[in-house]
Amino acid sequence: MQEVTVMTLTSNMKYKEEVSFLADTFKVFTTDHLSALLLFNGKAMPDDKTDMARILSSYASQKVIAKTEIFRRSDLLSNNNIPRMAWTKYGRHIKR
């Protein structure tokens, strides 16, 4: 079990620059923002779209970012418009 956790954290570290940029630049952001930034930077997207939330959760566990109580519908045409969790920089207080 520990090997899987270490491997997941290591593989998600390749997105640290993008996640830190989003946290420093936006009050709140979603997986849509991360997807757009990865495409813009020419980085490989995860094979499974649901991995985007896992990536952000792993950075939340490292206290880089934090969940908010805000949910936003996706603006991407390729998504199913299910509300997405909005994230913010760790330690920033966001009023709803």
N, C-alpha and C. Protein backbone atom coordinates (compact mmCIF):
# COMPACT_ATOMS: atom_id res chain seq x y z
N MET A 1 0.82 -1.19 0.00
CA MET A 1 0.00 0.00 0.00
C MET A 1 0.87 1.27 0.00
N GLN A 2 1.96 1.27 0.75
CA GLN A 2 2.82 2.43 0.81
C GLN A 2 3.50 2.70 -0.53
N GLU A 3 3.85 1.64 -1.25
CA GLU A 3 4.51 1.81 -2.55
C GLU A 3 3.60 2.53 -3.53
N VAL A 4 2.32 2.22 -3.53
CA VAL A 4 1.35 2.86 -4.42
C VAL A 4 1.23 4.34 -4.08
N THR A 5 1.15 4.68 -2.80
CA THR A 5 1.04 6.06 -2.37
C THR A 5 2.27 6.86 -2.78
N VAL A 6 3.44 6.33 -2.58
CA VAL A 6 4.68 7.01 -2.95
C VAL A 6 4.74 7.22 -4.45
N MET A 7 4.35 6.20 -5.21
CA MET A 7 4.38 6.30 -6.66
C MET A 7 3.41 7.37 -7.15
N THR A 8 2.21 7.44 -6.57
CA THR A 8 1.22 8.44 -6.95
C THR A 8 1.72 9.83 -6.64
N LEU A 9 2.28 10.05 -5.46
CA LEU A 9 2.79 11.36 -5.11
C LEU A 9 3.94 11.77 -6.03
N THR A 10 4.80 10.84 -6.35
CA THR A 10 5.93 11.14 -7.23
C THR A 10 5.45 11.51 -8.62
N SER A 11 4.50 10.77 -9.16
CA SER A 11 4.02 11.04 -10.51
C SER A 11 3.25 12.36 -10.57
N ASN A 12 2.60 12.75 -9.48
CA ASN A 12 1.87 14.01 -9.46
C ASN A 12 2.78 15.22 -9.25
N MET A 13 4.01 15.00 -8.82
CA MET A 13 4.94 16.12 -8.58
C MET A 13 5.29 16.84 -9.87
N LYS A 14 5.09 16.21 -11.01
CA LYS A 14 5.44 16.85 -12.27
C LYS A 14 4.52 18.02 -12.61
N TYR A 15 3.45 18.19 -11.85
CA TYR A 15 2.51 19.29 -12.07
C TYR A 15 2.68 20.42 -11.06
N LYS A 16 3.71 20.35 -10.24
CA LYS A 16 3.87 21.32 -9.17
C LYS A 16 3.96 22.76 -9.69
N GLU A 17 4.68 22.97 -10.77
CA GLU A 17 4.83 24.32 -11.32
C GLU A 17 3.47 24.91 -11.72
N GLU A 18 2.65 24.10 -12.38
CA GLU A 18 1.34 24.58 -12.80
C GLU A 18 0.40 24.82 -11.63
N VAL A 19 0.38 23.90 -10.67
CA VAL A 19 -0.50 24.06 -9.51
C VAL A 19 -0.08 25.28 -8.69
N SER A 20 1.22 25.47 -8.51
CA SER A 20 1.70 26.65 -7.77
C SER A 20 1.35 27.94 -8.50
N PHE A 21 1.47 27.93 -9.83
CA PHE A 21 1.09 29.11 -10.62
C PHE A 21 -0.38 29.45 -10.43
N LEU A 22 -1.24 28.44 -10.51
CA LEU A 22 -2.67 28.68 -10.32
C LEU A 22 -2.97 29.21 -8.92
N ALA A 23 -2.33 28.62 -7.92
CA ALA A 23 -2.56 29.05 -6.54
C ALA A 23 -2.10 30.49 -6.31
N ASP A 24 -1.01 30.87 -6.93
CA ASP A 24 -0.47 32.22 -6.75
C ASP A 24 -1.19 33.26 -7.60
N THR A 25 -1.83 32.85 -8.70
CA THR A 25 -2.39 33.78 -9.66
C THR A 25 -3.90 34.00 -9.49
N PHE A 26 -4.64 32.97 -9.12
CA PHE A 26 -6.10 33.04 -9.02
C PHE A 26 -6.56 32.95 -7.58
N LYS A 27 -7.65 33.65 -7.26
CA LYS A 27 -8.25 33.49 -5.93
C LYS A 27 -8.75 32.06 -5.77
N VAL A 28 -9.48 31.59 -6.78
CA VAL A 28 -9.95 30.20 -6.82
C VAL A 28 -9.75 29.67 -8.22
N PHE A 29 -9.58 28.36 -8.34
CA PHE A 29 -9.39 27.72 -9.63
C PHE A 29 -9.95 26.31 -9.57
N THR A 30 -10.17 25.72 -10.74
CA THR A 30 -10.74 24.37 -10.82
C THR A 30 -9.83 23.49 -11.66
N THR A 31 -10.24 22.25 -11.82
CA THR A 31 -9.49 21.33 -12.67
C THR A 31 -9.48 21.82 -14.12
N ASP A 32 -10.48 22.58 -14.51
CA ASP A 32 -10.51 23.15 -15.87
C ASP A 32 -9.30 24.06 -16.09
N HIS A 33 -8.97 24.87 -15.10
CA HIS A 33 -7.82 25.76 -15.20
C HIS A 33 -6.52 24.95 -15.33
N LEU A 34 -6.42 23.89 -14.53
CA LEU A 34 -5.22 23.05 -14.60
C LEU A 34 -5.11 22.39 -15.98
N SER A 35 -6.23 21.89 -16.50
CA SER A 35 -6.22 21.27 -17.83
C SER A 35 -5.76 22.25 -18.89
N ALA A 36 -6.32 23.46 -18.87
CA ALA A 36 -5.95 24.47 -19.87
C ALA A 36 -4.48 24.84 -19.77
N LEU A 37 -3.97 24.96 -18.54
CA LEU A 37 -2.57 25.32 -18.34
C LEU A 37 -1.63 24.21 -18.82
N LEU A 38 -2.00 22.97 -18.56
CA LEU A 38 -1.18 21.85 -19.04
C LEU A 38 -1.14 21.81 -20.56
N LEU A 39 -2.28 22.05 -21.19
CA LEU A 39 -2.32 22.08 -22.66
C LEU A 39 -1.47 23.23 -23.19
N PHE A 40 -1.57 24.39 -22.56
CA PHE A 40 -0.81 25.57 -22.99
C PHE A 40 0.69 25.32 -22.86
N ASN A 41 1.09 24.68 -21.77
CA ASN A 41 2.51 24.41 -21.52
C ASN A 41 3.03 23.19 -22.28
N GLY A 42 2.15 22.50 -22.98
CA GLY A 42 2.57 21.34 -23.75
C GLY A 42 2.90 20.12 -22.90
N LYS A 43 2.37 20.07 -21.69
CA LYS A 43 2.62 18.92 -20.81
C LYS A 43 1.58 17.84 -21.06
N ALA A 44 1.97 16.62 -20.80
CA ALA A 44 1.07 15.48 -21.00
C ALA A 44 -0.10 15.55 -20.02
N MET A 45 -1.28 15.29 -20.54
CA MET A 45 -2.47 15.21 -19.70
C MET A 45 -2.54 13.81 -19.10
N PRO A 46 -3.14 13.69 -17.92
CA PRO A 46 -3.33 12.35 -17.36
C PRO A 46 -4.20 11.51 -18.30
N ASP A 47 -3.99 10.21 -18.32
CA ASP A 47 -4.77 9.32 -19.18
C ASP A 47 -6.26 9.37 -18.84
N ASP A 48 -6.55 9.44 -17.55
CA ASP A 48 -7.94 9.47 -17.08
C ASP A 48 -8.27 10.89 -16.60
N LYS A 49 -9.34 11.47 -17.10
CA LYS A 49 -9.71 12.84 -16.72
C LYS A 49 -9.96 12.99 -15.22
N THR A 50 -10.41 11.91 -14.57
CA THR A 50 -10.68 11.99 -13.13
C THR A 50 -9.40 12.14 -12.32
N ASP A 51 -8.26 11.89 -12.94
CA ASP A 51 -6.99 12.05 -12.24
C ASP A 51 -6.70 13.52 -11.92
N MET A 52 -7.33 14.46 -12.63
CA MET A 52 -7.09 15.88 -12.35
C MET A 52 -7.46 16.21 -10.91
N ALA A 53 -8.59 15.72 -10.44
CA ALA A 53 -9.01 15.96 -9.06
C ALA A 53 -8.05 15.27 -8.08
N ARG A 54 -7.56 14.11 -8.44
CA ARG A 54 -6.60 13.41 -7.58
C ARG A 54 -5.28 14.19 -7.49
N ILE A 55 -4.88 14.77 -8.60
CA ILE A 55 -3.66 15.58 -8.59
C ILE A 55 -3.81 16.75 -7.63
N LEU A 56 -4.93 17.46 -7.73
CA LEU A 56 -5.14 18.60 -6.83
C LEU A 56 -5.27 18.14 -5.38
N SER A 57 -5.92 17.02 -5.16
CA SER A 57 -6.03 16.49 -3.79
C SER A 57 -4.66 16.16 -3.20
N SER A 58 -3.76 15.65 -4.04
CA SER A 58 -2.43 15.32 -3.52
C SER A 58 -1.67 16.59 -3.12
N TYR A 59 -1.86 17.68 -3.86
CA TYR A 59 -1.22 18.94 -3.47
C TYR A 59 -1.89 19.54 -2.24
N ALA A 60 -3.17 19.28 -2.06
CA ALA A 60 -3.85 19.73 -0.84
C ALA A 60 -3.30 19.00 0.38
N SER A 61 -3.00 17.71 0.22
CA SER A 61 -2.43 16.96 1.35
C SER A 61 -1.03 17.44 1.70
N GLN A 62 -0.36 18.09 0.74
CA GLN A 62 0.97 18.65 0.98
C GLN A 62 0.90 20.12 1.42
N LYS A 63 -0.33 20.61 1.62
CA LYS A 63 -0.58 21.98 2.08
C LYS A 63 -0.06 23.04 1.09
N VAL A 64 -0.19 22.75 -0.20
CA VAL A 64 0.12 23.72 -1.24
C VAL A 64 -1.15 24.48 -1.60
N ILE A 65 -2.27 23.74 -1.68
CA ILE A 65 -3.57 24.31 -1.98
C ILE A 65 -4.59 23.77 -0.99
N ALA A 66 -5.80 24.32 -1.04
CA ALA A 66 -6.86 23.87 -0.14
C ALA A 66 -8.20 23.90 -0.86
N LYS A 67 -9.10 23.01 -0.46
CA LYS A 67 -10.45 22.99 -1.00
C LYS A 67 -11.21 24.22 -0.50
N THR A 68 -12.17 24.67 -1.29
CA THR A 68 -13.09 25.71 -0.85
C THR A 68 -14.48 25.08 -0.76
N GLU A 69 -15.45 25.87 -0.38
CA GLU A 69 -16.84 25.38 -0.39
C GLU A 69 -17.55 25.84 -1.66
N ILE A 70 -16.77 26.25 -2.65
CA ILE A 70 -17.32 26.77 -3.89
C ILE A 70 -17.26 25.67 -4.96
N PHE A 71 -18.36 25.54 -5.68
CA PHE A 71 -18.43 24.62 -6.81
C PHE A 71 -18.79 25.42 -8.04
N ARG A 72 -18.15 25.13 -9.16
CA ARG A 72 -18.39 25.84 -10.42
C ARG A 72 -18.63 24.84 -11.54
N ARG A 73 -19.55 25.18 -12.41
CA ARG A 73 -19.77 24.36 -13.60
C ARG A 73 -18.61 24.54 -14.57
N SER A 74 -18.34 23.51 -15.29
CA SER A 74 -17.23 23.54 -16.25
C SER A 74 -17.55 24.44 -17.43
N ASP A 75 -16.54 25.17 -17.89
CA ASP A 75 -16.67 25.99 -19.10
C ASP A 75 -16.14 25.26 -20.33
N LEU A 76 -15.55 24.10 -20.15
CA LEU A 76 -14.99 23.36 -21.27
C LEU A 76 -16.10 22.62 -22.02
N LEU A 77 -16.10 22.74 -23.32
CA LEU A 77 -17.13 22.09 -24.14
C LEU A 77 -17.05 20.57 -24.06
N SER A 78 -15.88 20.04 -23.80
CA SER A 78 -15.70 18.59 -23.76
C SER A 78 -16.11 17.96 -22.43
N ASN A 79 -16.48 18.78 -21.44
CA ASN A 79 -16.87 18.25 -20.14
C ASN A 79 -18.38 18.13 -20.03
N ASN A 80 -18.83 17.39 -19.05
CA ASN A 80 -20.25 17.10 -18.88
C ASN A 80 -20.99 18.14 -18.03
N ASN A 81 -20.35 19.23 -17.69
CA ASN A 81 -20.96 20.34 -16.96
C ASN A 81 -21.37 20.00 -15.53
N ILE A 82 -20.78 18.98 -14.96
CA ILE A 82 -20.99 18.68 -13.55
C ILE A 82 -20.20 19.71 -12.75
N PRO A 83 -20.78 20.26 -11.68
CA PRO A 83 -20.03 21.26 -10.89
C PRO A 83 -18.70 20.69 -10.37
N ARG A 84 -17.68 21.50 -10.44
CA ARG A 84 -16.33 21.14 -10.01
C ARG A 84 -15.96 21.90 -8.74
N MET A 85 -15.21 21.23 -7.88
CA MET A 85 -14.69 21.86 -6.67
C MET A 85 -13.73 22.97 -7.06
N ALA A 86 -13.84 24.11 -6.40
CA ALA A 86 -12.88 25.19 -6.59
C ALA A 86 -11.83 25.09 -5.49
N TRP A 87 -10.60 25.37 -5.85
CA TRP A 87 -9.45 25.28 -4.95
C TRP A 87 -8.83 26.65 -4.78
N THR A 88 -8.05 26.83 -3.74
CA THR A 88 -7.35 28.08 -3.51
C THR A 88 -5.99 27.78 -2.90
N LYS A 89 -5.17 28.81 -2.78
CA LYS A 89 -3.86 28.66 -2.16
C LYS A 89 -4.04 28.31 -0.69
N TYR A 90 -3.21 27.43 -0.18
CA TYR A 90 -3.30 27.03 1.23
C TYR A 90 -3.11 28.26 2.13
N GLY A 91 -4.02 28.41 3.10
CA GLY A 91 -3.94 29.52 4.05
C GLY A 91 -4.75 30.74 3.63
N ARG A 92 -5.21 30.79 2.38
CA ARG A 92 -6.03 31.91 1.91
C ARG A 92 -7.47 31.63 2.32
N HIS A 93 -8.13 32.65 2.86
CA HIS A 93 -9.52 32.51 3.27
C HIS A 93 -10.42 33.10 2.21
N ILE A 94 -11.33 32.29 1.70
CA ILE A 94 -12.24 32.71 0.64
C ILE A 94 -13.65 32.77 1.21
N LYS A 95 -14.29 33.93 1.03
CA LYS A 95 -15.69 34.05 1.44
C LYS A 95 -16.55 33.58 0.29
N ARG A 96 -17.57 32.87 0.63
CA ARG A 96 -18.46 32.31 -0.38
C ARG A 96 -19.34 33.33 -0.99
